[in-house]
Amino acid sequence: MNVDPSADQGALAARADRAAALAIILTMGLLLLAGWPLVARWHTTGDIGPLGTHLVVLAVALATLPRRGRVPRAIGDWLPLVVVPILYVELRWIIPSVGAAHRDATVIMWERMLFPTNPSATLALRAHSQPLSEALHLAYALYYPLIGIPPMILFFTHARDKLAATTLALVIAYAVCFIVYPLFPVDGPRFLLGPAAAPDGPIRAYVLALLERGSSRGTAFPSSHVAASVVAALCAMQHQRRIGWIAAIIAVGLTVATVYGGFHYAVDALAGLLLGVAAWMFANAVWRAL
């Protein structure tokens, strides 16, 4: 994804078009895959709501795809980043519809193999500090700004090649997570044991309320929060160095917060970290191949 300043601008624009098109193809593929479990759910429960909403999203996505200049190119560039949160919410219906056994016991076994104790239950007790807790939960709460603001700056500074490369890397990470979740659902410690014994504070209370409303059960392994945050930080370090340092600090805090707050097993965070790095490296290889 490193851009050669001497490269022909036309060739660079063509490469950005291809990268954006690939991100859109992956996103549309996820939308189509997500439809089948929702159809099965409708047949089983008779509840048309989730499937109907999904079909509306799919129709809007299809209608806004760039076609010979009739639709602004920017809409296609932003389509994946808009659809991804919708797909995450739909996982609360997709995972039960697929019906795979939840694998928390397997992840807990991995946890015991790698760590002397269960970090999601002990980390907050060992570092029981309200300022630390609030700082870590603030980093966790900054997840969506971390994902959205750097691409927005690239968009408004007309760095479309860097925006396309960043979006592609993010979509690759999310695609892996969203395919794994229905096949290998893991609830995580928050659902099984409740939040960790971290010190209370207004920021932690806000995060807990946000998770209560927006999280989908079975999406703990790998942590998509960690994976996407790592990708966002690495892309920002690559394309927006000053912003990248801030993004990196937030990503580190968020990664620790997922375990400190009892939202994920440490193995979930570790898997998310490895996935984020791998997705970024793979997106770099794809960019060069384009």
Protein backbone atom coordinates (compact mmCIF):
# COMPACT_ATOMS: atom_id res chain seq x y z
CA MET A 1 0.00 0.00 0.00
CA ASN A 2 3.00 2.36 -0.03
CA VAL A 3 2.44 4.88 -2.78
CA ASP A 4 5.28 5.85 -5.13
CA PRO A 5 5.16 9.66 -5.45
CA SER A 6 6.47 9.42 -9.01
CA ALA A 7 3.80 6.98 -10.12
CA ASP A 8 1.53 8.08 -12.89
CA GLN A 9 -1.60 9.57 -11.35
CA GLY A 10 -3.83 7.80 -13.84
CA ALA A 11 -2.36 4.42 -12.95
CA LEU A 12 -2.66 5.23 -9.26
CA ALA A 13 -6.31 6.16 -9.69
CA ALA A 14 -6.92 2.91 -11.57
CA ARG A 15 -5.29 0.96 -8.75
CA ALA A 16 -7.51 2.74 -6.23
CA ASP A 17 -10.55 1.86 -8.36
CA ARG A 18 -9.58 -1.80 -8.32
CA ALA A 19 -8.94 -1.83 -4.57
CA ALA A 20 -12.27 -0.11 -3.91
CA ALA A 21 -14.03 -2.55 -6.22
CA LEU A 22 -12.49 -5.50 -4.38
CA ALA A 23 -13.64 -4.09 -1.02
CA ILE A 24 -17.15 -3.70 -2.45
CA ILE A 25 -17.13 -7.27 -3.80
CA LEU A 26 -16.14 -8.62 -0.38
CA THR A 27 -18.85 -6.55 1.28
CA MET A 28 -21.53 -7.68 -1.15
CA GLY A 29 -20.39 -11.27 -0.68
CA LEU A 30 -20.85 -10.90 3.07
CA LEU A 31 -24.31 -9.42 2.54
CA LEU A 32 -25.32 -12.35 0.34
CA LEU A 33 -23.90 -14.93 2.75
CA ALA A 34 -25.69 -13.30 5.67
CA GLY A 35 -29.02 -13.57 3.86
CA TRP A 36 -29.23 -17.37 3.96
CA PRO A 37 -29.27 -17.80 7.77
CA LEU A 38 -31.83 -15.00 7.99
CA VAL A 39 -34.04 -16.81 5.48
CA ALA A 40 -33.73 -19.97 7.58
CA ARG A 41 -34.62 -17.98 10.68
CA TRP A 42 -37.70 -16.56 8.99
CA HIS A 43 -38.86 -20.07 8.01
CA THR A 44 -38.30 -21.31 11.57
CA THR A 45 -39.70 -18.44 13.61
CA GLY A 46 -41.94 -16.59 11.17
CA ASP A 47 -40.23 -13.32 12.16
CA ILE A 48 -39.71 -11.36 8.94
CA GLY A 49 -38.13 -8.33 10.65
CA PRO A 50 -34.41 -9.19 10.47
CA LEU A 51 -34.69 -10.64 6.95
CA GLY A 52 -36.76 -7.70 5.72
CA THR A 53 -34.28 -5.21 7.11
CA HIS A 54 -31.42 -7.15 5.55
CA LEU A 55 -33.10 -7.16 2.14
CA VAL A 56 -33.59 -3.39 2.35
CA VAL A 57 -29.89 -2.92 3.16
CA LEU A 58 -28.94 -5.24 0.30
CA ALA A 59 -31.21 -3.38 -2.13
CA VAL A 60 -29.80 0.00 -1.09
CA ALA A 61 -26.25 -1.33 -1.43
CA LEU A 62 -26.97 -2.63 -4.92
CA ALA A 63 -28.65 0.62 -5.91
CA THR A 64 -25.70 2.74 -4.76
CA LEU A 65 -22.97 0.77 -6.50
CA PRO A 66 -21.03 3.02 -8.91
CA ARG A 67 -22.21 2.47 -12.46
CA ARG A 68 -20.64 4.53 -15.25
CA GLY A 69 -20.61 7.73 -13.27
CA ARG A 70 -24.33 7.77 -12.54
CA VAL A 71 -23.60 7.33 -8.84
CA PRO A 72 -20.86 9.38 -7.14
CA ARG A 73 -17.69 7.34 -6.70
CA ALA A 74 -17.52 8.42 -3.05
CA ILE A 75 -20.65 6.41 -2.26
CA GLY A 76 -18.98 3.24 -3.44
CA ASP A 77 -15.84 4.10 -1.49
CA TRP A 78 -17.81 4.45 1.75
CA LEU A 79 -20.23 1.57 1.17
CA PRO A 80 -18.13 -1.11 2.94
CA LEU A 81 -17.54 1.03 6.03
CA VAL A 82 -21.28 1.73 6.30
CA VAL A 83 -22.42 -1.86 5.77
CA VAL A 84 -19.96 -3.47 8.23
CA PRO A 85 -21.68 -2.22 11.44
CA ILE A 86 -25.04 -3.38 10.09
CA LEU A 87 -23.65 -6.86 9.45
CA TYR A 88 -22.24 -6.96 12.98
CA VAL A 89 -25.67 -6.24 14.48
CA GLU A 90 -27.24 -8.93 12.27
CA LEU A 91 -24.90 -11.54 13.74
CA ARG A 92 -27.18 -11.68 16.79
CA TRP A 93 -29.70 -13.44 14.52
CA ILE A 94 -27.31 -15.15 12.11
CA ILE A 95 -25.31 -17.06 14.74
CA PRO A 96 -28.35 -18.77 16.34
CA SER A 97 -29.75 -19.53 12.88
CA VAL A 98 -26.58 -21.38 11.86
CA GLY A 99 -26.81 -23.32 15.12
CA ALA A 100 -23.14 -24.20 15.67
CA ALA A 101 -22.18 -25.19 19.21
CA HIS A 102 -20.63 -22.37 21.20
CA ARG A 103 -16.96 -22.97 21.84
CA ASP A 104 -16.13 -21.08 25.02
CA ALA A 105 -14.81 -24.27 26.62
CA THR A 106 -12.29 -24.65 23.80
CA VAL A 107 -11.09 -21.05 24.10
CA ILE A 108 -10.86 -21.35 27.90
CA MET A 109 -8.69 -24.44 27.39
CA TRP A 110 -6.38 -22.43 25.10
CA GLU A 111 -6.37 -19.68 27.71
CA ARG A 112 -5.15 -22.08 30.40
CA MET A 113 -2.44 -23.38 28.08
CA LEU A 114 -1.08 -19.88 27.41
CA PHE A 115 -1.60 -18.03 30.69
CA PRO A 116 -1.09 -19.02 34.35
CA THR A 117 -4.43 -17.41 35.28
CA ASN A 118 -7.54 -16.20 33.48
CA PRO A 119 -6.58 -12.60 32.56
CA SER A 120 -10.17 -11.52 31.88
CA ALA A 121 -11.02 -12.33 35.50
CA THR A 122 -7.78 -11.33 37.24
CA LEU A 123 -6.31 -8.36 35.34
CA ALA A 124 -8.76 -5.80 36.73
CA LEU A 125 -8.20 -7.13 40.26
CA ARG A 126 -4.44 -6.94 39.97
CA ALA A 127 -4.50 -3.43 38.50
CA HIS A 128 -7.49 -2.08 40.42
CA SER A 129 -7.23 1.63 39.68
CA GLN A 130 -10.10 3.88 38.68
CA PRO A 131 -7.96 6.28 36.58
CA LEU A 132 -6.48 3.29 34.73
CA SER A 133 -9.90 1.72 34.30
CA GLU A 134 -11.42 4.93 32.95
CA ALA A 135 -8.48 5.48 30.57
CA LEU A 136 -8.73 1.94 29.19
CA HIS A 137 -12.51 2.13 28.82
CA LEU A 138 -12.10 5.49 27.07
CA ALA A 139 -9.82 3.79 24.55
CA TYR A 140 -12.48 1.10 24.10
CA ALA A 141 -15.18 3.75 23.62
CA LEU A 142 -13.06 5.40 20.90
CA TYR A 143 -13.34 2.31 18.69
CA TYR A 144 -15.67 3.82 16.09
CA PRO A 145 -13.81 7.16 15.89
CA LEU A 146 -10.59 5.16 15.45
CA ILE A 147 -12.12 3.26 12.53
CA GLY A 148 -13.94 6.19 10.97
CA ILE A 149 -11.96 9.40 11.45
CA PRO A 150 -8.69 8.51 9.63
CA PRO A 151 -10.57 7.38 6.48
CA MET A 152 -12.70 10.53 6.70
CA ILE A 153 -9.56 12.70 6.75
CA LEU A 154 -8.21 10.82 3.74
CA PHE A 155 -11.50 11.40 1.95
CA PHE A 156 -11.57 15.14 2.58
CA THR A 157 -7.90 15.51 1.63
CA HIS A 158 -8.61 13.69 -1.66
CA ALA A 159 -6.18 10.86 -0.88
CA ARG A 160 -8.44 8.32 -2.54
CA ASP A 161 -5.68 5.76 -3.13
CA LYS A 162 -4.86 5.66 0.59
CA LEU A 163 -8.56 5.58 1.47
CA ALA A 164 -9.11 2.60 -0.85
CA ALA A 165 -6.11 0.77 0.60
CA THR A 166 -7.28 1.39 4.18
CA THR A 167 -10.84 0.31 3.43
CA LEU A 168 -9.65 -2.87 1.74
CA ALA A 169 -7.54 -3.84 4.77
CA LEU A 170 -10.43 -3.18 7.15
CA VAL A 171 -12.90 -5.18 5.06
CA ILE A 172 -10.52 -8.15 4.90
CA ALA A 173 -10.25 -8.21 8.70
CA TYR A 174 -14.00 -7.89 9.17
CA ALA A 175 -14.73 -10.54 6.53
CA VAL A 176 -12.61 -13.11 8.36
CA CYS A 177 -14.30 -12.30 11.68
CA PHE A 178 -17.82 -12.39 10.29
CA ILE A 179 -17.23 -15.75 8.61
CA VAL A 180 -15.66 -17.29 11.72
CA TYR A 181 -18.35 -16.15 14.17
CA PRO A 182 -21.28 -18.29 12.91
CA LEU A 183 -19.01 -21.33 12.47
CA PHE A 184 -17.07 -20.99 15.75
CA PRO A 185 -19.22 -18.86 18.08
CA VAL A 186 -17.68 -17.82 21.38
CA ASP A 187 -19.73 -15.83 23.88
CA GLY A 188 -16.86 -14.43 25.92
CA PRO A 189 -16.60 -13.84 29.67
CA ARG A 190 -19.05 -10.94 29.73
CA PHE A 191 -21.95 -13.18 28.76
CA LEU A 192 -20.92 -16.17 30.85
CA LEU A 193 -19.57 -14.47 33.99
CA GLY A 194 -20.57 -10.83 33.67
CA PRO A 195 -18.20 -7.83 33.42
CA ALA A 196 -14.91 -8.00 35.25
CA ALA A 197 -14.47 -6.41 38.68
CA ALA A 198 -13.01 -3.23 37.24
CA PRO A 199 -13.49 0.05 39.17
CA ASP A 200 -16.70 1.84 38.28
CA GLY A 201 -16.76 5.23 36.63
CA PRO A 202 -18.82 7.21 34.13
CA ILE A 203 -16.82 6.06 31.11
CA ARG A 204 -17.01 2.40 32.14
CA ALA A 205 -20.75 2.79 32.76
CA TYR A 206 -21.15 4.26 29.26
CA VAL A 207 -19.20 1.36 27.70
CA LEU A 208 -21.28 -1.23 29.56
CA ALA A 209 -24.52 0.44 28.44
CA LEU A 210 -23.24 0.57 24.86
CA LEU A 211 -22.36 -3.12 24.90
CA GLU A 212 -25.71 -4.01 26.43
CA ARG A 213 -27.45 -2.41 23.47
CA GLY A 214 -25.12 -3.11 20.59
CA SER A 215 -23.14 -6.31 21.12
CA SER A 216 -23.95 -9.62 19.46
CA ARG A 217 -23.52 -12.83 21.43
CA GLY A 218 -21.06 -15.31 19.95
CA THR A 219 -18.69 -12.73 18.45
CA ALA A 220 -15.83 -12.93 20.95
CA PHE A 221 -13.23 -14.94 18.98
CA PRO A 222 -11.36 -13.37 17.33
CA SER A 223 -12.01 -9.89 18.67
CA SER A 224 -13.12 -7.79 15.72
CA HIS A 225 -12.60 -4.69 17.87
CA VAL A 226 -8.93 -5.54 18.27
CA ALA A 227 -8.46 -6.73 14.68
CA ALA A 228 -10.03 -3.62 13.13
CA SER A 229 -8.26 -1.28 15.56
CA VAL A 230 -4.88 -2.83 14.72
CA VAL A 231 -5.60 -2.50 10.99
CA ALA A 232 -6.72 1.12 11.43
CA ALA A 233 -3.61 1.98 13.44
CA LEU A 234 -1.22 0.29 11.01
CA CYS A 235 -2.86 1.97 8.01
CA ALA A 236 -2.78 5.34 9.76
CA MET A 237 0.90 4.86 10.63
CA GLN A 238 1.51 4.07 6.97
CA HIS A 239 -0.48 6.89 5.39
CA GLN A 240 -1.02 9.52 8.12
CA ARG A 241 1.97 9.34 10.45
CA ARG A 242 0.89 12.01 12.95
CA ILE A 243 -2.58 10.54 13.25
CA GLY A 244 -1.03 7.10 13.25
CA TRP A 245 0.72 7.61 16.58
CA ILE A 246 -2.55 8.62 18.20
CA ALA A 247 -4.32 5.67 16.56
CA ALA A 248 -1.62 3.30 17.78
CA ILE A 249 -1.97 4.49 21.39
CA ILE A 250 -5.75 4.08 21.23
CA ALA A 251 -5.42 0.62 19.65
CA VAL A 252 -3.05 -0.53 22.42
CA GLY A 253 -5.40 0.78 25.10
CA LEU A 254 -8.41 -0.80 23.42
CA THR A 255 -6.68 -4.17 23.17
CA VAL A 256 -5.87 -4.17 26.89
CA ALA A 257 -9.36 -2.86 27.71
CA THR A 258 -11.08 -5.82 26.04
CA VAL A 259 -9.46 -8.10 28.62
CA TYR A 260 -9.33 -5.67 31.56
CA GLY A 261 -13.06 -4.98 31.26
CA GLY A 262 -13.90 -8.68 30.95
CA PHE A 263 -15.34 -8.29 27.46
CA HIS A 264 -13.03 -10.86 25.84
CA TYR A 265 -10.76 -13.70 26.81
CA ALA A 266 -7.09 -12.84 26.39
CA VAL A 267 -6.98 -15.43 23.58
CA ASP A 268 -9.69 -13.46 21.74
CA ALA A 269 -7.58 -10.30 21.93
CA LEU A 270 -4.43 -12.16 20.88
CA ALA A 271 -6.23 -13.71 17.90
CA GLY A 272 -7.61 -10.29 16.96
CA LEU A 273 -4.12 -8.80 17.13
CA LEU A 274 -2.67 -11.50 14.88
CA LEU A 275 -5.59 -11.21 12.47
CA GLY A 276 -5.22 -7.44 12.27
CA VAL A 277 -1.54 -7.68 11.40
CA ALA A 278 -2.19 -10.48 8.89
CA ALA A 279 -5.05 -8.57 7.23
CA TRP A 280 -2.90 -5.47 6.89
CA MET A 281 -0.01 -7.47 5.40
CA PHE A 282 -2.35 -9.30 3.03
CA ALA A 283 -3.96 -6.03 1.93
CA ASN A 284 -0.47 -4.65 1.23
CA ALA A 285 0.28 -7.68 -0.96
CA VAL A 286 -3.05 -7.28 -2.79
CA TRP A 287 -2.38 -3.57 -3.33
CA ARG A 288 0.99 -4.32 -4.89
CA ALA A 289 -0.55 -7.05 -7.04
CA LEU A 290 -3.17 -4.61 -8.32
